[in-house]
C-alpha atoms as a PDB file:
ATOM      1  CA  MET A   1       0.003  -0.003   0.002  1.00  0.00           C
ATOM      2  CA  THR A   2       2.800   2.362   0.931  1.00  0.00           C
ATOM      3  CA  ASN A   3       4.539   1.780  -2.402  1.00  0.00           C
ATOM      4  CA  ASN A   4       1.321   2.576  -4.256  1.00  0.00           C
ATOM      5  CA  LYS A   5       0.941   5.857  -2.362  1.00  0.00           C
ATOM      6  CA  GLN A   6       4.511   6.797  -3.101  1.00  0.00           C
ATOM      7  CA  SER A   7       4.132   5.978  -6.760  1.00  0.00           C
ATOM      8  CA  GLY A   8       0.926   8.075  -6.945  1.00  0.00           C
ATOM      9  CA  PHE A   9       2.617  10.965  -5.194  1.00  0.00           C
ATOM     10  CA  GLY A  10       5.561  10.809  -7.617  1.00  0.00           C
ATOM     11  CA  VAL A  11       3.223  10.949 -10.577  1.00  0.00           C
ATOM     12  CA  ILE A  12       1.486  13.996  -9.120  1.00  0.00           C
ATOM     13  CA  VAL A  13       4.854  15.736  -8.592  1.00  0.00           C
ATOM     14  CA  ILE A  14       5.827  15.060 -12.192  1.00  0.00           C
ATOM     15  CA  ILE A  15       2.519  16.377 -13.480  1.00  0.00           C
ATOM     16  CA  VAL A  16       2.813  19.523 -11.355  1.00  0.00           C
ATOM     17  CA  ALA A  17       6.368  20.084 -12.576  1.00  0.00           C
ATOM     18  CA  ILE A  18       5.262  19.706 -16.186  1.00  0.00           C
ATOM     19  CA  VAL A  19       2.371  22.155 -15.698  1.00  0.00           C
ATOM     20  CA  ALA A  20       4.732  24.631 -14.003  1.00  0.00           C
ATOM     21  CA  LEU A  21       7.173  24.411 -16.910  1.00  0.00           C
ATOM     22  CA  VAL A  22       4.357  24.950 -19.395  1.00  0.00           C
ATOM     23  CA  ILE A  23       3.144  28.008 -17.468  1.00  0.00           C
ATOM     24  CA  LEU A  24       6.650  29.451 -17.207  1.00  0.00           C
ATOM     25  CA  GLY A  25       7.284  28.816 -20.871  1.00  0.00           C
ATOM     26  CA  TYR A  26       4.048  30.502 -21.889  1.00  0.00           C
ATOM     27  CA  ALA A  27       4.744  33.488 -19.646  1.00  0.00           C
ATOM     28  CA  GLY A  28       8.234  33.821 -21.097  1.00  0.00           C
ATOM     29  CA  TYR A  29       6.845  33.653 -24.617  1.00  0.00           C
ATOM     30  CA  ARG A  30       4.327  36.438 -23.898  1.00  0.00           C
ATOM     31  CA  ILE A  31       7.026  38.673 -22.423  1.00  0.00           C
ATOM     32  CA  TYR A  32       9.320  38.069 -25.400  1.00  0.00           C
ATOM     33  CA  THR A  33       6.642  38.791 -28.008  1.00  0.00           C
ATOM     34  CA  ALA A  34       5.539  41.945 -26.158  1.00  0.00           C
ATOM     35  CA  GLN A  35       9.102  43.335 -26.156  1.00  0.00           C
ATOM     36  CA  THR A  36       9.891  42.461 -29.772  1.00  0.00           C
ATOM     37  CA  SER A  37       6.633  43.946 -31.088  1.00  0.00           C
ATOM     38  CA  LYS A  38       7.098  47.233 -29.230  1.00  0.00           C
ATOM     39  CA  PRO A  39       7.625  50.098 -31.789  1.00  0.00           C
ATOM     40  CA  VAL A  40      10.995  51.834 -31.771  1.00  0.00           C
ATOM     41  CA  SER A  41      10.705  55.577 -31.144  1.00  0.00           C
ATOM     42  CA  THR A  42      12.272  57.681 -33.885  1.00  0.00           C
ATOM     43  CA  THR A  43      11.144  61.046 -32.570  1.00  0.00           C
ATOM     44  CA  ASN A  44      14.492  62.117 -31.167  1.00  0.00           C
ATOM     45  CA  THR A  45      16.420  60.897 -34.192  1.00  0.00           C
ATOM     46  CA  THR A  46      14.099  62.620 -36.617  1.00  0.00           C
ATOM     47  CA  THR A  47      14.145  65.817 -34.600  1.00  0.00           C
ATOM     48  CA  ASN A  48      17.905  65.805 -34.388  1.00  0.00           C
ATOM     49  CA  GLN A  49      18.247  65.154 -38.100  1.00  0.00           C
ATOM     50  CA  THR A  50      15.740  67.896 -38.876  1.00  0.00           C
ATOM     51  CA  ASN A  51      17.550  70.338 -36.643  1.00  0.00           C
ATOM     52  CA  GLY A  52      20.831  69.368 -38.248  1.00  0.00           C
ATOM     53  CA  ASN A  53      19.414  69.929 -41.729  1.00  0.00           C
ATOM     54  CA  ASN A  54      17.974  73.287 -40.715  1.00  0.00           C
ATOM     55  CA  THR A  55      21.336  74.298 -39.287  1.00  0.00           C
ATOM     56  CA  ASN A  56      23.107  73.323 -42.505  1.00  0.00           C
ATOM     57  CA  GLN A  57      20.506  75.150 -44.598  1.00  0.00           C
ATOM     58  CA  ASN A  58      20.830  78.289 -42.529  1.00  0.00           C
ATOM     59  CA  ALA A  59      24.627  78.129 -42.793  1.00  0.00           C
ATOM     60  CA  ASN A  60      24.424  77.640 -46.555  1.00  0.00           C
ATOM     61  CA  THR A  61      21.932  80.493 -46.916  1.00  0.00           C
ATOM     62  CA  GLN A  62      24.253  82.827 -45.069  1.00  0.00           C
ATOM     63  CA  ALA A  63      27.291  81.633 -47.028  1.00  0.00           C
ATOM     64  CA  VAL A  64      25.882  82.056 -50.537  1.00  0.00           C
ATOM     65  CA  ASP A  65      25.064  85.792 -50.399  1.00  0.00           C
ATOM     66  CA  PRO A  66      27.528  87.172 -52.994  1.00  0.00           C
ATOM     67  CA  TYR A  67      26.504  90.787 -52.337  1.00  0.00           C
ATOM     68  CA  ALA A  68      27.436  91.033 -48.666  1.00  0.00           C
ATOM     69  CA  GLY A  69      29.240  94.351 -48.045  1.00  0.00           C
ATOM     70  CA  TRP A  70      28.568  95.691 -51.547  1.00  0.00           C
ATOM     71  CA  LYS A  71      27.479  99.258 -52.297  1.00  0.00           C
ATOM     72  CA  THR A  72      24.379 100.275 -54.270  1.00  0.00           C
ATOM     73  CA  TYR A  73      23.862 102.831 -57.016  1.00  0.00           C
ATOM     74  CA  CYS A  74      20.288 103.991 -57.693  1.00  0.00           C
ATOM     75  CA  ASP A  75      18.895 106.002 -60.579  1.00  0.00           C
ATOM     76  CA  THR A  76      16.508 108.441 -58.895  1.00  0.00           C
ATOM     77  CA  ILE A  77      14.698 109.178 -62.164  1.00  0.00           C
ATOM     78  CA  GLU A  78      14.041 105.614 -63.341  1.00  0.00           C
ATOM     79  CA  LYS A  79      13.894 104.206 -59.775  1.00  0.00           C
ATOM     80  CA  SER A  80      16.306 101.412 -60.587  1.00  0.00           C
ATOM     81  CA  CYS A  81      19.456 100.199 -58.803  1.00  0.00           C
ATOM     82  CA  PHE A  82      22.417  97.902 -59.136  1.00  0.00           C
ATOM     83  CA  LYS A  83      25.040  96.746 -56.659  1.00  0.00           C
ATOM     84  CA  TYR A  84      28.819  96.828 -56.974  1.00  0.00           C
ATOM     85  CA  PRO A  85      31.793  95.815 -54.785  1.00  0.00           C
ATOM     86  CA  GLY A  86      33.305  98.391 -52.473  1.00  0.00           C
ATOM     87  CA  ASN A  87      36.700  98.113 -54.186  1.00  0.00           C
ATOM     88  CA  TRP A  88      35.214  98.936 -57.612  1.00  0.00           C
ATOM     89  CA  THR A  89      35.198 102.651 -58.484  1.00  0.00           C
ATOM     90  CA  LEU A  90      31.961 104.511 -59.186  1.00  0.00           C
ATOM     91  CA  ASN A  91      32.663 106.850 -62.082  1.00  0.00           C
ATOM     92  CA  SER A  92      31.694 110.485 -61.468  1.00  0.00           C
ATOM     93  CA  ASN A  93      31.469 111.737 -65.081  1.00  0.00           C
ATOM     94  CA  SER A  94      29.323 109.018 -66.679  1.00  0.00           C
ATOM     95  CA  VAL A  95      27.475 106.562 -64.498  1.00  0.00           C
ATOM     96  CA  GLY A  96      29.326 103.282 -64.246  1.00  0.00           C
ATOM     97  CA  VAL A  97      31.871 101.338 -62.222  1.00  0.00           C
ATOM     98  CA  THR A  98      35.413 100.218 -62.977  1.00  0.00           C
ATOM     99  CA  SER A  99      37.252  97.180 -61.630  1.00  0.00           C
ATOM    100  CA  PRO A 100      40.237  97.666 -59.287  1.00  0.00           C
ATOM    101  CA  THR A 101      42.588  96.594 -62.102  1.00  0.00           C
ATOM    102  CA  GLY A 102      41.023  99.121 -64.464  1.00  0.00           C
ATOM    103  CA  SER A 103      40.531  96.406 -67.067  1.00  0.00           C
ATOM    104  CA  VAL A 104      36.739  96.118 -66.912  1.00  0.00           C
ATOM    105  CA  VAL A 105      34.113  98.848 -66.974  1.00  0.00           C
ATOM    106  CA  ILE A 106      30.349  98.691 -66.529  1.00  0.00           C
ATOM    107  CA  ASN A 107      28.388 101.526 -68.113  1.00  0.00           C
ATOM    108  CA  TYR A 108      24.834 102.474 -67.170  1.00  0.00           C
ATOM    109  CA  ILE A 109      22.588 104.707 -69.283  1.00  0.00           C
ATOM    110  CA  GLY A 110      19.162 105.559 -67.915  1.00  0.00           C
ATOM    111  CA  ASN A 111      17.698 106.853 -71.178  1.00  0.00           C
ATOM    112  CA  ASP A 112      19.269 105.148 -74.167  1.00  0.00           C
ATOM    113  CA  GLN A 113      18.579 105.580 -77.892  1.00  0.00           C
ATOM    114  CA  GLY A 114      17.130 102.208 -78.808  1.00  0.00           C
ATOM    115  CA  TYR A 115      17.895  99.389 -81.236  1.00  0.00           C
ATOM    116  CA  ASP A 116      19.807  99.378 -84.471  1.00  0.00           C
ATOM    117  CA  ALA A 117      21.222  96.850 -86.952  1.00  0.00           C
ATOM    118  CA  GLN A 118      21.375  93.114 -86.413  1.00  0.00           C
ATOM    119  CA  VAL A 119      24.793  91.448 -86.063  1.00  0.00           C
ATOM    120  CA  GLN A 120      26.106  87.894 -85.893  1.00  0.00           C
ATOM    121  CA  PHE A 121      26.418  87.189 -82.191  1.00  0.00           C
ATOM    122  CA  TYR A 122      28.025  84.250 -80.369  1.00  0.00           C
ATOM    123  CA  THR A 123      26.199  83.589 -77.063  1.00  0.00           C
ATOM    124  CA  VAL A 124      28.365  82.490 -74.136  1.00  0.00           C
ATOM    125  CA  SER A 125      25.747  82.730 -71.373  1.00  0.00           C
ATOM    126  CA  LEU A 126      22.162  83.686 -70.526  1.00  0.00           C
ATOM    127  CA  ASP A 127      21.381  84.529 -66.907  1.00  0.00           C
ATOM    128  CA  SER A 128      18.341  85.649 -64.957  1.00  0.00           C
ATOM    129  CA  LEU A 129      18.535  88.522 -62.507  1.00  0.00           C
ATOM    130  CA  THR A 130      18.685  88.064 -58.740  1.00  0.00           C
ATOM    131  CA  ALA A 131      15.563  90.232 -58.288  1.00  0.00           C
ATOM    132  CA  THR A 132      12.279  88.863 -59.580  1.00  0.00           C
ATOM    133  CA  ASN A 133      10.504  92.150 -60.278  1.00  0.00           C
ATOM    134  CA  THR A 134      11.952  92.534 -63.767  1.00  0.00           C
ATOM    135  CA  ASN A 135      11.540  90.509 -66.947  1.00  0.00           C
ATOM    136  CA  LEU A 136      15.152  90.954 -67.995  1.00  0.00           C
ATOM    137  CA  LYS A 137      18.112  88.742 -68.863  1.00  0.00           C
ATOM    138  CA  VAL A 138      21.880  89.143 -68.813  1.00  0.00           C
ATOM    139  CA  VAL A 139      23.394  88.134 -72.151  1.00  0.00           C
ATOM    140  CA  GLY A 140      27.061  87.255 -72.360  1.00  0.00           C
ATOM    141  CA  GLY A 141      28.828  86.972 -75.709  1.00  0.00           C
ATOM    142  CA  PHE A 142      30.428  88.857 -78.574  1.00  0.00           C
ATOM    143  CA  GLU A 143      29.968  89.882 -82.190  1.00  0.00           C
ATOM    144  CA  SER A 144      31.599  87.019 -84.033  1.00  0.00           C
ATOM    145  CA  ALA A 145      31.904  88.462 -87.536  1.00  0.00           C
ATOM    146  CA  THR A 146      34.624  90.997 -86.707  1.00  0.00           C
ATOM    147  CA  SER A 147      38.405  90.616 -86.632  1.00  0.00           C
ATOM    148  CA  ASN A 148      38.795  92.311 -83.242  1.00  0.00           C
ATOM    149  CA  VAL A 149      36.340  90.742 -80.809  1.00  0.00           C
ATOM    150  CA  THR A 150      35.033  92.499 -77.695  1.00  0.00           C
ATOM    151  CA  PRO A 151      33.287  90.227 -75.198  1.00  0.00           C
ATOM    152  CA  TYR A 152      30.617  91.784 -72.992  1.00  0.00           C
ATOM    153  CA  TYR A 153      27.666  91.251 -70.679  1.00  0.00           C
ATOM    154  CA  LYS A 154      24.514  93.195 -71.458  1.00  0.00           C
ATOM    155  CA  LEU A 155      21.155  93.611 -69.761  1.00  0.00           C
ATOM    156  CA  VAL A 156      18.282  93.144 -72.234  1.00  0.00           C
ATOM    157  CA  ASP A 157      14.565  92.469 -72.339  1.00  0.00           C
ATOM    158  CA  HIS A 158      13.701  88.781 -72.179  1.00  0.00           C
ATOM    159  CA  SER A 159      12.064  89.049 -75.603  1.00  0.00           C
ATOM    160  CA  GLN A 160      15.433  89.931 -77.122  1.00  0.00           C
ATOM    161  CA  THR A 161      16.874  86.541 -76.132  1.00  0.00           C
ATOM    162  CA  THR A 162      14.293  84.178 -77.643  1.00  0.00           C
ATOM    163  CA  ASN A 163      16.512  83.223 -80.589  1.00  0.00           C
ATOM    164  CA  LEU A 164      19.777  83.097 -78.644  1.00  0.00           C
ATOM    165  CA  VAL A 165      21.310  79.693 -77.838  1.00  0.00           C
ATOM    166  CA  VAL A 166      24.341  79.306 -75.588  1.00  0.00           C
ATOM    167  CA  GLY A 167      27.310  78.059 -77.591  1.00  0.00           C
ATOM    168  CA  ARG A 168      25.860  79.065 -80.952  1.00  0.00           C
ATOM    169  CA  GLN A 169      26.040  81.998 -83.346  1.00  0.00           C
ATOM    170  CA  THR A 170      22.752  83.748 -84.120  1.00  0.00           C
ATOM    171  CA  SER A 171      21.400  87.143 -85.113  1.00  0.00           C
ATOM    172  CA  PHE A 172      21.192  89.756 -82.342  1.00  0.00           C
ATOM    173  CA  ALA A 173      20.475  93.480 -82.173  1.00  0.00           C
ATOM    174  CA  LYS A 174      23.792  95.341 -82.011  1.00  0.00           C
ATOM    175  CA  LYS A 175      22.377  97.821 -79.521  1.00  0.00           C
ATOM    176  CA  ALA A 176      19.793  95.738 -77.706  1.00  0.00           C
ATOM    177  CA  ASP A 177      18.624  97.615 -74.606  1.00  0.00           C
ATOM    178  CA  PHE A 178      16.127  96.930 -71.853  1.00  0.00           C
ATOM    179  CA  SER A 179      12.818  98.628 -71.100  1.00  0.00           C
ATOM    180  CA  PHE A 180      11.806 100.445 -67.939  1.00  0.00           C
ATOM    181  CA  PRO A 181       8.177 100.242 -66.730  1.00  0.00           C
ATOM    182  CA  ASP A 182       7.522 103.652 -68.341  1.00  0.00           C
ATOM    183  CA  HIS A 183       8.749 102.144 -71.656  1.00  0.00           C
ATOM    184  CA  SER A 184      11.887 104.290 -71.811  1.00  0.00           C
ATOM    185  CA  LEU A 185      15.067 102.373 -72.621  1.00  0.00           C
ATOM    186  CA  GLY A 186      18.140 101.732 -70.523  1.00  0.00           C
ATOM    187  CA  SER A 187      21.541 100.129 -70.951  1.00  0.00           C
ATOM    188  CA  LEU A 188      23.782  98.264 -68.494  1.00  0.00           C
ATOM    189  CA  GLN A 189      26.819  96.765 -70.183  1.00  0.00           C
ATOM    190  CA  ALA A 190      30.096  95.303 -68.898  1.00  0.00           C
ATOM    191  CA  PHE A 191      33.177  94.875 -71.099  1.00  0.00           C
ATOM    192  CA  PRO A 192      36.996  94.889 -71.021  1.00  0.00           C
ATOM    193  CA  ILE A 193      38.722  98.076 -72.142  1.00  0.00           C
ATOM    194  CA  ASN A 194      41.778  98.619 -74.339  1.00  0.00           C
ATOM    195  CA  THR A 195      41.808  95.070 -75.659  1.00  0.00           C
ATOM    196  CA  ASN A 196      41.770  93.429 -79.073  1.00  0.00           C
ATOM    197  CA  PHE A 197      40.685  89.825 -78.594  1.00  0.00           C
ATOM    198  CA  ASP A 198      40.382  86.990 -81.026  1.00  0.00           C
ATOM    199  CA  ILE A 199      37.478  84.560 -80.563  1.00  0.00           C
ATOM    200  CA  THR A 200      39.419  82.181 -78.314  1.00  0.00           C
ATOM    201  CA  GLN A 201      40.566  85.019 -76.053  1.00  0.00           C
ATOM    202  CA  ALA A 202      37.049  86.418 -75.955  1.00  0.00           C
ATOM    203  CA  LYS A 203      35.645  83.112 -74.699  1.00  0.00           C
ATOM    204  CA  THR A 204      38.405  82.895 -72.082  1.00  0.00           C
ATOM    205  CA  TRP A 205      37.633  86.387 -70.764  1.00  0.00           C
ATOM    206  CA  PHE A 206      34.324  85.215 -69.304  1.00  0.00           C
ATOM    207  CA  SER A 207      36.250  82.947 -66.900  1.00  0.00           C
ATOM    208  CA  SER A 208      38.306  85.808 -65.443  1.00  0.00           C
ATOM    209  CA  ASP A 209      37.612  87.073 -61.912  1.00  0.00           C
ATOM    210  CA  ASP A 210      36.673  90.562 -63.117  1.00  0.00           C
ATOM    211  CA  ALA A 211      34.218  89.119 -65.638  1.00  0.00           C
ATOM    212  CA  LYS A 212      32.599  86.940 -62.964  1.00  0.00           C
ATOM    213  CA  THR A 213      32.194  89.988 -60.732  1.00  0.00           C
ATOM    214  CA  ALA A 214      30.814  91.975 -63.659  1.00  0.00           C
ATOM    215  CA  LEU A 215      28.171  89.288 -64.180  1.00  0.00           C
ATOM    216  CA  LEU A 216      27.136  89.541 -60.524  1.00  0.00           C
ATOM    217  CA  ILE A 217      26.816  93.324 -60.913  1.00  0.00           C
ATOM    218  CA  GLU A 218      24.612  92.903 -63.991  1.00  0.00           C
ATOM    219  CA  LYS A 219      22.446  90.324 -62.212  1.00  0.00           C
ATOM    220  CA  SER A 220      21.969  92.617 -59.187  1.00  0.00           C
ATOM    221  CA  PHE A 221      19.892  95.145 -61.171  1.00  0.00           C
ATOM    222  CA  TYR A 222      16.425  95.756 -59.698  1.00  0.00           C
ATOM    223  CA  LEU A 223      13.546  98.233 -59.650  1.00  0.00           C
ATOM    224  CA  GLU A 224      12.662 100.087 -56.479  1.00  0.00           C
END
């Protein structure tokens, strides 16, 4: 009888142990699945990345202003202005500015005489202005049918550039000007002085530091 009781007790112990293991295993499984299915928070990472991007954008915005420290000339009659570097000289006789080296001049005329004959023109560049309140373009190039070539930048009405293609020779008004809101004409032109270039030298001029600054001056034109 005693042996039977002991055997029955042993069976009960084994069954209890098995049930306990099953319960522990199930509890462990629930804990594991709850932890692995918990979403990972990305709020801090996203915020930090966003702040970092904003910081970089602000730094880039501050770094790309090419007109910081420049002076401004304004035509009080036509209510138009352009900017120029402080080390460029504003001419007192005729309105314009000259580079520190004296090799490049930019002439401004507030009431020009209009268009004349068409010439063969090689277009080097076409640029929009920095200000958005004008429908003007800056044309860079030179008259290609002459022996002595003078490269220049010129401010013109957008309509004057419709047939111009960068890197190609096309017809262009020799004295293309731009229009003010009152329909009077103006001229803003940058060019090297005292030079006789061939075509290769003319193309190279646009890569010079003075020419790059001249382009920025042309692009700074705006209406008040």
